[in-house]
Amino acid sequence: MKRGGATDGDWIRGLLERHERPLTLYAARLVRDVERARDVVQEAFLRLTQQERAALAGHEAVWLYKVCRNLCLDVRRKESRMSLLDTEHEEGAHSSTPPPEHAAELADSVEHVLTTMRALPAKQQEVLRLRFQSGLSYAEIAQVTEDTIGNVGWLLHEGLKGLRARLAPSEARGVEA
């Protein structure tokens, strides 16, 4: 079917190319398993094919993140026990690789921040990931999480403040060593 100059297949392929990796990373953080995250993202895109393109115009990313989030919450409800993402799968979900000379240092830094982030409340972790890993705006995050924009801003502020407080002591120890 052709609408607006491009077929629905082209539209979906374009969305898949832009959003599959970030959605997989986001879902992996929520379900703590890359394979389950891929299944969730696949299901979200299958549901996208059943939607009217015109109804989603301009809101595709928010719609995909919201559906993905709801599917992840369903998975978590079904599986009461959550396992941690192992580093090997986590690295496979990233869309870009650092230059070789910085790879080890970057991997250590990222792992340190992610480990530190796990100490934050789940809601703060989620909005931080949506903002900084997925690049969503405050309004888009509010739609995905069904929160107010003000609360999203507060969660981001508190999450960053918590990260800074937890990272600062370890950085100071690294400088002294």
N, C-alpha and C. Protein backbone atom coordinates (compact mmCIF):
# COMPACT_ATOMS: atom_id res chain seq x y z
N MET A 1 0.83 -1.16 0.00
CA MET A 1 0.00 0.00 0.00
C MET A 1 0.89 1.24 0.00
N LYS A 2 0.55 2.20 -0.84
CA LYS A 2 1.37 3.39 -0.96
C LYS A 2 0.64 4.59 -0.36
N ARG A 3 1.32 5.28 0.56
CA ARG A 3 0.74 6.46 1.20
C ARG A 3 1.83 7.52 1.30
N GLY A 4 1.51 8.71 0.89
CA GLY A 4 2.44 9.82 1.07
C GLY A 4 3.76 9.64 0.35
N GLY A 5 3.79 8.92 -0.76
CA GLY A 5 5.00 8.79 -1.55
C GLY A 5 5.87 7.60 -1.18
N ALA A 6 5.67 6.98 -0.08
CA ALA A 6 6.47 5.82 0.31
C ALA A 6 5.54 4.70 0.75
N THR A 7 5.96 3.49 0.50
CA THR A 7 5.13 2.36 0.90
C THR A 7 5.20 2.17 2.39
N ASP A 8 4.23 1.45 2.94
CA ASP A 8 4.25 1.14 4.36
C ASP A 8 5.50 0.34 4.71
N GLY A 9 5.91 -0.53 3.79
CA GLY A 9 7.13 -1.31 4.01
C GLY A 9 8.35 -0.43 4.15
N ASP A 10 8.45 0.60 3.31
CA ASP A 10 9.57 1.55 3.40
C ASP A 10 9.52 2.31 4.72
N TRP A 11 8.31 2.70 5.12
CA TRP A 11 8.12 3.43 6.36
C TRP A 11 8.59 2.58 7.56
N ILE A 12 8.15 1.34 7.59
CA ILE A 12 8.52 0.44 8.69
C ILE A 12 10.01 0.13 8.66
N ARG A 13 10.57 -0.11 7.47
CA ARG A 13 12.01 -0.36 7.35
C ARG A 13 12.81 0.83 7.88
N GLY A 14 12.38 2.04 7.55
CA GLY A 14 13.06 3.24 8.03
C GLY A 14 13.02 3.35 9.55
N LEU A 15 11.85 3.07 10.12
CA LEU A 15 11.72 3.10 11.58
C LEU A 15 12.57 2.00 12.22
N LEU A 16 12.59 0.84 11.59
CA LEU A 16 13.39 -0.27 12.10
C LEU A 16 14.87 0.10 12.11
N GLU A 17 15.35 0.70 11.04
CA GLU A 17 16.75 1.09 10.95
C GLU A 17 17.12 2.13 12.01
N ARG A 18 16.21 3.08 12.26
CA ARG A 18 16.48 4.16 13.22
C ARG A 18 16.33 3.72 14.67
N HIS A 19 15.38 2.84 14.94
CA HIS A 19 15.01 2.61 16.34
C HIS A 19 15.29 1.20 16.88
N GLU A 20 15.64 0.24 16.04
CA GLU A 20 15.80 -1.12 16.55
C GLU A 20 16.89 -1.23 17.62
N ARG A 21 18.08 -0.72 17.35
CA ARG A 21 19.17 -0.82 18.31
C ARG A 21 18.87 -0.07 19.62
N PRO A 22 18.46 1.21 19.54
CA PRO A 22 18.18 1.90 20.80
C PRO A 22 17.03 1.24 21.58
N LEU A 23 16.02 0.76 20.89
CA LEU A 23 14.92 0.07 21.57
C LEU A 23 15.41 -1.22 22.22
N THR A 24 16.28 -1.94 21.54
CA THR A 24 16.81 -3.19 22.10
C THR A 24 17.62 -2.90 23.35
N LEU A 25 18.44 -1.87 23.31
CA LEU A 25 19.22 -1.48 24.49
C LEU A 25 18.29 -1.09 25.64
N TYR A 26 17.28 -0.29 25.33
CA TYR A 26 16.31 0.14 26.34
C TYR A 26 15.59 -1.07 26.94
N ALA A 27 15.10 -1.95 26.08
CA ALA A 27 14.38 -3.15 26.55
C ALA A 27 15.30 -4.07 27.35
N ALA A 28 16.54 -4.18 26.92
CA ALA A 28 17.50 -5.04 27.64
C ALA A 28 17.71 -4.54 29.06
N ARG A 29 17.71 -3.25 29.23
CA ARG A 29 17.86 -2.68 30.58
C ARG A 29 16.64 -3.01 31.44
N LEU A 30 15.47 -3.04 30.83
CA LEU A 30 14.26 -3.30 31.60
C LEU A 30 14.06 -4.78 31.91
N VAL A 31 14.35 -5.65 30.94
CA VAL A 31 14.13 -7.09 31.17
C VAL A 31 15.40 -7.82 31.59
N ARG A 32 16.53 -7.13 31.50
CA ARG A 32 17.83 -7.66 31.94
C ARG A 32 18.27 -8.91 31.17
N ASP A 33 17.87 -8.97 29.90
CA ASP A 33 18.27 -10.09 29.05
C ASP A 33 18.15 -9.65 27.60
N VAL A 34 19.24 -9.72 26.86
CA VAL A 34 19.25 -9.22 25.49
C VAL A 34 18.33 -10.02 24.57
N GLU A 35 18.30 -11.33 24.73
CA GLU A 35 17.45 -12.15 23.86
C GLU A 35 15.97 -11.84 24.08
N ARG A 36 15.57 -11.72 25.34
CA ARG A 36 14.18 -11.35 25.62
C ARG A 36 13.90 -9.95 25.11
N ALA A 37 14.88 -9.06 25.22
CA ALA A 37 14.72 -7.70 24.72
C ALA A 37 14.50 -7.70 23.21
N ARG A 38 15.24 -8.51 22.51
CA ARG A 38 15.05 -8.60 21.05
C ARG A 38 13.65 -9.11 20.71
N ASP A 39 13.17 -10.07 21.49
CA ASP A 39 11.81 -10.58 21.27
C ASP A 39 10.78 -9.47 21.51
N VAL A 40 10.99 -8.69 22.55
CA VAL A 40 10.08 -7.59 22.87
C VAL A 40 10.07 -6.57 21.73
N VAL A 41 11.25 -6.20 21.26
CA VAL A 41 11.35 -5.21 20.18
C VAL A 41 10.70 -5.75 18.90
N GLN A 42 10.91 -7.02 18.63
CA GLN A 42 10.27 -7.64 17.46
C GLN A 42 8.75 -7.57 17.59
N GLU A 43 8.24 -7.87 18.77
CA GLU A 43 6.80 -7.80 19.00
C GLU A 43 6.29 -6.37 18.83
N ALA A 44 7.06 -5.39 19.30
CA ALA A 44 6.66 -3.99 19.15
C ALA A 44 6.55 -3.61 17.67
N PHE A 45 7.51 -4.06 16.87
CA PHE A 45 7.46 -3.76 15.44
C PHE A 45 6.34 -4.52 14.74
N LEU A 46 6.05 -5.72 15.20
CA LEU A 46 4.90 -6.44 14.65
C LEU A 46 3.61 -5.68 14.93
N ARG A 47 3.49 -5.14 16.12
CA ARG A 47 2.30 -4.36 16.47
C ARG A 47 2.25 -3.06 15.66
N LEU A 48 3.42 -2.53 15.34
CA LEU A 48 3.48 -1.32 14.51
C LEU A 48 2.85 -1.57 13.14
N THR A 49 3.07 -2.76 12.59
CA THR A 49 2.53 -3.06 11.27
C THR A 49 1.00 -3.07 11.26
N GLN A 50 0.39 -3.19 12.43
CA GLN A 50 -1.07 -3.22 12.52
C GLN A 50 -1.66 -1.83 12.77
N GLN A 51 -0.81 -0.83 12.87
CA GLN A 51 -1.27 0.53 13.14
C GLN A 51 -1.44 1.33 11.86
N GLU A 52 -2.34 2.28 11.92
CA GLU A 52 -2.50 3.21 10.80
C GLU A 52 -1.34 4.21 10.82
N ARG A 53 -0.67 4.30 9.71
CA ARG A 53 0.50 5.17 9.60
C ARG A 53 0.15 6.62 9.93
N ALA A 54 -0.97 7.08 9.45
CA ALA A 54 -1.37 8.48 9.66
C ALA A 54 -1.61 8.77 11.14
N ALA A 55 -2.10 7.80 11.87
CA ALA A 55 -2.39 7.99 13.30
C ALA A 55 -1.10 8.15 14.11
N LEU A 56 0.00 7.65 13.61
CA LEU A 56 1.27 7.72 14.34
C LEU A 56 2.21 8.80 13.82
N ALA A 57 1.82 9.48 12.78
CA ALA A 57 2.70 10.46 12.14
C ALA A 57 3.29 11.44 13.15
N GLY A 58 4.61 11.45 13.23
CA GLY A 58 5.32 12.35 14.13
C GLY A 58 5.48 11.82 15.55
N HIS A 59 4.83 10.72 15.86
CA HIS A 59 4.87 10.16 17.22
C HIS A 59 5.37 8.71 17.21
N GLU A 60 5.99 8.31 16.14
CA GLU A 60 6.40 6.92 16.00
C GLU A 60 7.35 6.47 17.11
N ALA A 61 8.36 7.30 17.41
CA ALA A 61 9.35 6.91 18.43
C ALA A 61 8.69 6.75 19.79
N VAL A 62 7.85 7.71 20.16
CA VAL A 62 7.16 7.62 21.46
C VAL A 62 6.29 6.37 21.50
N TRP A 63 5.56 6.12 20.41
CA TRP A 63 4.68 4.95 20.36
C TRP A 63 5.50 3.67 20.52
N LEU A 64 6.62 3.57 19.80
CA LEU A 64 7.46 2.38 19.89
C LEU A 64 8.03 2.19 21.30
N TYR A 65 8.52 3.27 21.90
CA TYR A 65 9.07 3.15 23.26
C TYR A 65 7.99 2.78 24.26
N LYS A 66 6.82 3.34 24.10
CA LYS A 66 5.74 3.04 25.04
C LYS A 66 5.30 1.58 24.92
N VAL A 67 5.11 1.11 23.70
CA VAL A 67 4.73 -0.28 23.49
C VAL A 67 5.83 -1.20 24.01
N CYS A 68 7.06 -0.86 23.70
CA CYS A 68 8.21 -1.66 24.15
C CYS A 68 8.25 -1.70 25.69
N ARG A 69 8.06 -0.56 26.31
CA ARG A 69 8.07 -0.50 27.78
C ARG A 69 6.95 -1.38 28.36
N ASN A 70 5.76 -1.27 27.82
CA ASN A 70 4.65 -2.07 28.31
C ASN A 70 4.90 -3.57 28.13
N LEU A 71 5.47 -3.94 27.00
CA LEU A 71 5.81 -5.35 26.78
C LEU A 71 6.88 -5.83 27.77
N CYS A 72 7.85 -4.97 28.04
CA CYS A 72 8.89 -5.32 29.02
C CYS A 72 8.29 -5.51 30.41
N LEU A 73 7.38 -4.62 30.77
CA LEU A 73 6.73 -4.74 32.08
C LEU A 73 5.93 -6.04 32.16
N ASP A 74 5.30 -6.42 31.05
CA ASP A 74 4.59 -7.70 31.01
C ASP A 74 5.55 -8.87 31.23
N VAL A 75 6.70 -8.83 30.56
CA VAL A 75 7.70 -9.88 30.72
C VAL A 75 8.16 -9.95 32.17
N ARG A 76 8.43 -8.79 32.75
CA ARG A 76 8.89 -8.76 34.14
C ARG A 76 7.83 -9.29 35.10
N ARG A 77 6.58 -8.99 34.82
CA ARG A 77 5.51 -9.50 35.67
C ARG A 77 5.43 -11.02 35.58
N LYS A 78 5.61 -11.54 34.37
CA LYS A 78 5.54 -12.99 34.17
C LYS A 78 6.73 -13.70 34.80
N GLU A 79 7.86 -13.05 34.80
CA GLU A 79 9.07 -13.65 35.37
C GLU A 79 9.45 -12.83 36.60
N SER A 80 9.04 -13.28 37.75
CA SER A 80 9.26 -12.50 38.96
C SER A 80 10.74 -12.36 39.29
N ARG A 81 11.55 -13.31 38.87
CA ARG A 81 12.98 -13.26 39.13
C ARG A 81 13.68 -12.55 37.97
N MET A 82 14.47 -11.53 38.29
CA MET A 82 15.20 -10.80 37.25
C MET A 82 16.68 -11.14 37.33
N SER A 83 17.30 -11.40 36.18
CA SER A 83 18.73 -11.66 36.17
C SER A 83 19.46 -10.45 35.59
N LEU A 84 20.71 -10.29 35.97
CA LEU A 84 21.50 -9.17 35.48
C LEU A 84 21.98 -9.43 34.05
N LEU A 85 22.08 -8.36 33.31
CA LEU A 85 22.64 -8.42 31.96
C LEU A 85 24.12 -8.73 32.05
N ASP A 86 24.60 -9.71 31.32
CA ASP A 86 26.05 -9.91 31.39
C ASP A 86 26.75 -8.99 30.40
N THR A 87 27.96 -8.65 30.69
CA THR A 87 28.69 -7.64 29.95
C THR A 87 28.80 -7.97 28.47
N GLU A 88 28.96 -9.24 28.14
CA GLU A 88 29.10 -9.62 26.73
C GLU A 88 27.87 -9.24 25.94
N HIS A 89 26.68 -9.52 26.45
CA HIS A 89 25.45 -9.16 25.74
C HIS A 89 25.25 -7.66 25.72
N GLU A 90 25.60 -6.99 26.78
CA GLU A 90 25.45 -5.55 26.87
C GLU A 90 26.26 -4.86 25.79
N GLU A 91 27.51 -5.29 25.61
CA GLU A 91 28.36 -4.69 24.59
C GLU A 91 27.81 -4.94 23.20
N GLY A 92 27.17 -6.09 22.97
CA GLY A 92 26.59 -6.40 21.67
C GLY A 92 25.41 -5.52 21.33
N ALA A 93 24.76 -4.91 22.33
CA ALA A 93 23.59 -4.08 22.09
C ALA A 93 23.97 -2.65 21.71
N HIS A 94 25.21 -2.22 21.94
CA HIS A 94 25.63 -0.87 21.59
C HIS A 94 25.76 -0.75 20.08
N SER A 95 25.40 0.43 19.55
CA SER A 95 25.40 0.63 18.12
C SER A 95 26.74 1.09 17.55
N SER A 96 27.63 1.63 18.38
CA SER A 96 28.91 2.09 17.85
C SER A 96 30.04 1.58 18.73
N THR A 97 31.21 1.49 18.12
CA THR A 97 32.36 0.99 18.88
C THR A 97 33.39 2.10 18.99
N PRO A 98 34.08 2.18 20.13
CA PRO A 98 35.09 3.23 20.31
C PRO A 98 36.36 2.87 19.54
N PRO A 99 37.22 3.86 19.33
CA PRO A 99 38.51 3.57 18.69
C PRO A 99 39.29 2.59 19.56
N PRO A 100 40.11 1.73 18.95
CA PRO A 100 40.82 0.68 19.71
C PRO A 100 41.64 1.20 20.89
N GLU A 101 42.29 2.35 20.72
CA GLU A 101 43.14 2.85 21.81
C GLU A 101 42.34 3.29 23.05
N HIS A 102 41.04 3.51 22.89
CA HIS A 102 40.22 3.94 24.02
C HIS A 102 39.24 2.87 24.48
N ALA A 103 39.22 1.74 23.82
CA ALA A 103 38.20 0.72 24.08
C ALA A 103 38.21 0.22 25.52
N ALA A 104 39.36 -0.15 26.04
CA ALA A 104 39.44 -0.70 27.39
C ALA A 104 39.06 0.35 28.44
N GLU A 105 39.58 1.55 28.28
CA GLU A 105 39.27 2.63 29.23
C GLU A 105 37.79 2.99 29.19
N LEU A 106 37.24 3.08 27.98
CA LEU A 106 35.83 3.39 27.83
C LEU A 106 34.96 2.29 28.42
N ALA A 107 35.31 1.04 28.16
CA ALA A 107 34.54 -0.09 28.68
C ALA A 107 34.54 -0.07 30.21
N ASP A 108 35.68 0.22 30.81
CA ASP A 108 35.76 0.30 32.27
C ASP A 108 34.89 1.44 32.80
N SER A 109 34.97 2.59 32.15
CA SER A 109 34.18 3.75 32.58
C SER A 109 32.69 3.49 32.45
N VAL A 110 32.28 2.94 31.32
CA VAL A 110 30.87 2.65 31.08
C VAL A 110 30.38 1.63 32.10
N GLU A 111 31.15 0.59 32.32
CA GLU A 111 30.75 -0.43 33.30
C GLU A 111 30.64 0.16 34.69
N HIS A 112 31.56 1.05 35.04
CA HIS A 112 31.52 1.70 36.36
C HIS A 112 30.25 2.55 36.50
N VAL A 113 29.92 3.32 35.48
CA VAL A 113 28.72 4.16 35.52
C VAL A 113 27.46 3.29 35.58
N LEU A 114 27.40 2.25 34.75
CA LEU A 114 26.23 1.37 34.75
C LEU A 114 26.07 0.65 36.08
N THR A 115 27.16 0.21 36.65
CA THR A 115 27.11 -0.44 37.96
C THR A 115 26.63 0.55 39.01
N THR A 116 27.15 1.76 38.96
CA THR A 116 26.74 2.80 39.90
C THR A 116 25.27 3.15 39.70
N MET A 117 24.84 3.18 38.46
CA MET A 117 23.45 3.51 38.15
C MET A 117 22.47 2.50 38.73
N ARG A 118 22.90 1.24 38.85
CA ARG A 118 22.02 0.21 39.39
C ARG A 118 21.63 0.47 40.84
N ALA A 119 22.39 1.33 41.51
CA ALA A 119 22.07 1.68 42.90
C ALA A 119 20.95 2.71 42.98
N LEU A 120 20.64 3.37 41.86
CA LEU A 120 19.57 4.37 41.84
C LEU A 120 18.21 3.67 41.80
N PRO A 121 17.16 4.37 42.22
CA PRO A 121 15.81 3.80 42.08
C PRO A 121 15.50 3.51 40.61
N ALA A 122 14.70 2.48 40.38
CA ALA A 122 14.40 2.01 39.01
C ALA A 122 13.83 3.12 38.13
N LYS A 123 12.98 3.96 38.65
CA LYS A 123 12.36 5.02 37.85
C LYS A 123 13.40 6.03 37.38
N GLN A 124 14.37 6.36 38.26
CA GLN A 124 15.44 7.27 37.87
C GLN A 124 16.31 6.63 36.79
N GLN A 125 16.61 5.35 36.94
CA GLN A 125 17.40 4.64 35.93
C GLN A 125 16.70 4.71 34.58
N GLU A 126 15.40 4.46 34.59
CA GLU A 126 14.65 4.42 33.34
C GLU A 126 14.66 5.77 32.63
N VAL A 127 14.39 6.86 33.35
CA VAL A 127 14.37 8.16 32.67
C VAL A 127 15.76 8.59 32.22
N LEU A 128 16.78 8.23 32.98
CA LEU A 128 18.16 8.53 32.54
C LEU A 128 18.47 7.81 31.24
N ARG A 129 18.09 6.55 31.15
CA ARG A 129 18.35 5.79 29.92
C ARG A 129 17.56 6.35 28.74
N LEU A 130 16.29 6.67 28.96
CA LEU A 130 15.47 7.22 27.88
C LEU A 130 16.03 8.55 27.39
N ARG A 131 16.55 9.35 28.30
CA ARG A 131 17.08 10.67 27.93
C ARG A 131 18.44 10.57 27.26
N PHE A 132 19.37 9.84 27.89
CA PHE A 132 20.75 9.89 27.42
C PHE A 132 21.12 8.75 26.48
N GLN A 133 20.48 7.62 26.56
CA GLN A 133 20.78 6.54 25.63
C GLN A 133 19.87 6.59 24.41
N SER A 134 18.62 6.97 24.63
CA SER A 134 17.66 6.96 23.53
C SER A 134 17.41 8.35 22.96
N GLY A 135 17.83 9.39 23.67
CA GLY A 135 17.71 10.75 23.15
C GLY A 135 16.30 11.31 23.13
N LEU A 136 15.41 10.78 23.96
CA LEU A 136 14.04 11.28 23.98
C LEU A 136 13.98 12.59 24.76
N SER A 137 13.02 13.43 24.37
CA SER A 137 12.80 14.70 25.07
C SER A 137 12.04 14.43 26.37
N TYR A 138 11.97 15.45 27.22
CA TYR A 138 11.23 15.31 28.47
C TYR A 138 9.77 14.93 28.19
N ALA A 139 9.18 15.61 27.20
CA ALA A 139 7.77 15.33 26.85
C ALA A 139 7.60 13.90 26.36
N GLU A 140 8.53 13.44 25.55
CA GLU A 140 8.44 12.06 25.05
C GLU A 140 8.62 11.06 26.18
N ILE A 141 9.54 11.34 27.09
CA ILE A 141 9.75 10.45 28.24
C ILE A 141 8.48 10.42 29.09
N ALA A 142 7.86 11.58 29.28
CA ALA A 142 6.62 11.65 30.06
C ALA A 142 5.53 10.79 29.42
N GLN A 143 5.45 10.81 28.10
CA GLN A 143 4.46 9.98 27.41
C GLN A 143 4.77 8.50 27.58
N VAL A 144 6.04 8.14 27.45
CA VAL A 144 6.43 6.73 27.56
C VAL A 144 6.17 6.20 28.97
N THR A 145 6.56 6.98 29.97
CA THR A 145 6.47 6.51 31.36
C THR A 145 5.14 6.85 32.02
N GLU A 146 4.30 7.60 31.30
CA GLU A 146 3.00 8.04 31.82
C GLU A 146 3.17 8.85 33.10
N ASP A 147 4.16 9.74 33.07
CA ASP A 147 4.46 10.66 34.16
C ASP A 147 4.24 12.08 33.66
N THR A 148 4.33 13.05 34.55
CA THR A 148 4.27 14.45 34.13
C THR A 148 5.66 14.88 33.68
N ILE A 149 5.70 15.92 32.86
CA ILE A 149 6.99 16.45 32.40
C ILE A 149 7.79 16.95 33.60
N GLY A 150 7.10 17.59 34.55
CA GLY A 150 7.78 18.07 35.75
C GLY A 150 8.41 16.95 36.55
N ASN A 151 7.69 15.83 36.67
CA ASN A 151 8.23 14.70 37.41
C ASN A 151 9.41 14.08 36.67
N VAL A 152 9.34 14.05 35.34
CA VAL A 152 10.47 13.55 34.55
C VAL A 152 11.70 14.41 34.81
N GLY A 153 11.52 15.72 34.81
CA GLY A 153 12.64 16.63 35.08
C GLY A 153 13.21 16.39 36.47
N TRP A 154 12.33 16.21 37.46
CA TRP A 154 12.78 15.96 38.82
C TRP A 154 13.53 14.63 38.91
N LEU A 155 12.99 13.58 38.25
CA LEU A 155 13.65 12.27 38.26
C LEU A 155 15.03 12.35 37.61
N LEU A 156 15.13 13.07 36.49
CA LEU A 156 16.43 13.24 35.83
C LEU A 156 17.40 13.99 36.75
N HIS A 157 16.92 15.06 37.35
CA HIS A 157 17.77 15.85 38.25
C HIS A 157 18.26 15.00 39.41
N GLU A 158 17.35 14.30 40.06
CA GLU A 158 17.72 13.46 41.20
C GLU A 158 18.64 12.31 40.78
N GLY A 159 18.36 11.73 39.61
CA GLY A 159 19.20 10.64 39.12
C GLY A 159 20.62 11.09 38.85
N LEU A 160 20.77 12.24 38.19
CA LEU A 160 22.10 12.78 37.91
C LEU A 160 22.81 13.17 39.20
N LYS A 161 22.06 13.78 40.12
CA LYS A 161 22.64 14.16 41.41
C LYS A 161 23.13 12.91 42.16
N GLY A 162 22.32 11.85 42.12
CA GLY A 162 22.70 10.60 42.77
C GLY A 162 23.92 9.96 42.12
N LEU A 163 23.98 10.00 40.79
CA LEU A 163 25.15 9.46 40.08
C LEU A 163 26.40 10.25 40.45
N ARG A 164 26.28 11.59 40.42
CA ARG A 164 27.44 12.42 40.76
C ARG A 164 27.94 12.12 42.17
N ALA A 165 27.00 12.00 43.10
CA ALA A 165 27.38 11.75 44.50
C ALA A 165 28.07 10.40 44.64
N ARG A 166 27.60 9.41 43.90
CA ARG A 166 28.18 8.07 44.01
C ARG A 166 29.50 7.95 43.23
N LEU A 167 29.61 8.67 42.12
CA LEU A 167 30.82 8.59 41.31
C LEU A 167 31.95 9.45 41.87
N ALA A 168 31.64 10.58 42.47
CA ALA A 168 32.68 11.49 42.96
C ALA A 168 33.63 10.83 43.95
N PRO A 169 33.15 10.09 44.95
CA PRO A 169 34.10 9.46 45.88
C PRO A 169 35.04 8.46 45.20
N SER A 170 34.52 7.69 44.23
CA SER A 170 35.37 6.71 43.57
C SER A 170 36.38 7.39 42.66
N GLU A 171 36.01 8.51 42.03
CA GLU A 171 36.94 9.24 41.20
C GLU A 171 38.03 9.87 42.05
N ALA A 172 37.66 10.34 43.24
CA ALA A 172 38.66 10.94 44.14
C ALA A 172 39.66 9.88 44.58
N ARG A 173 39.18 8.67 44.86
CA ARG A 173 40.09 7.59 45.24
C ARG A 173 41.02 7.25 44.11
N GLY A 174 40.53 7.30 42.85
CA GLY A 174 41.36 6.99 41.69
C GLY A 174 42.46 8.01 41.51
N VAL A 175 42.17 9.28 41.81
CA VAL A 175 43.16 10.34 41.67
C VAL A 175 44.23 10.20 42.73
N GLU A 176 43.84 9.82 43.95
CA GLU A 176 44.79 9.68 45.05
C GLU A 176 45.70 8.48 44.88
N ALA A 177 45.25 7.47 44.19
CA ALA A 177 46.02 6.22 44.07
C ALA A 177 47.24 6.38 43.21
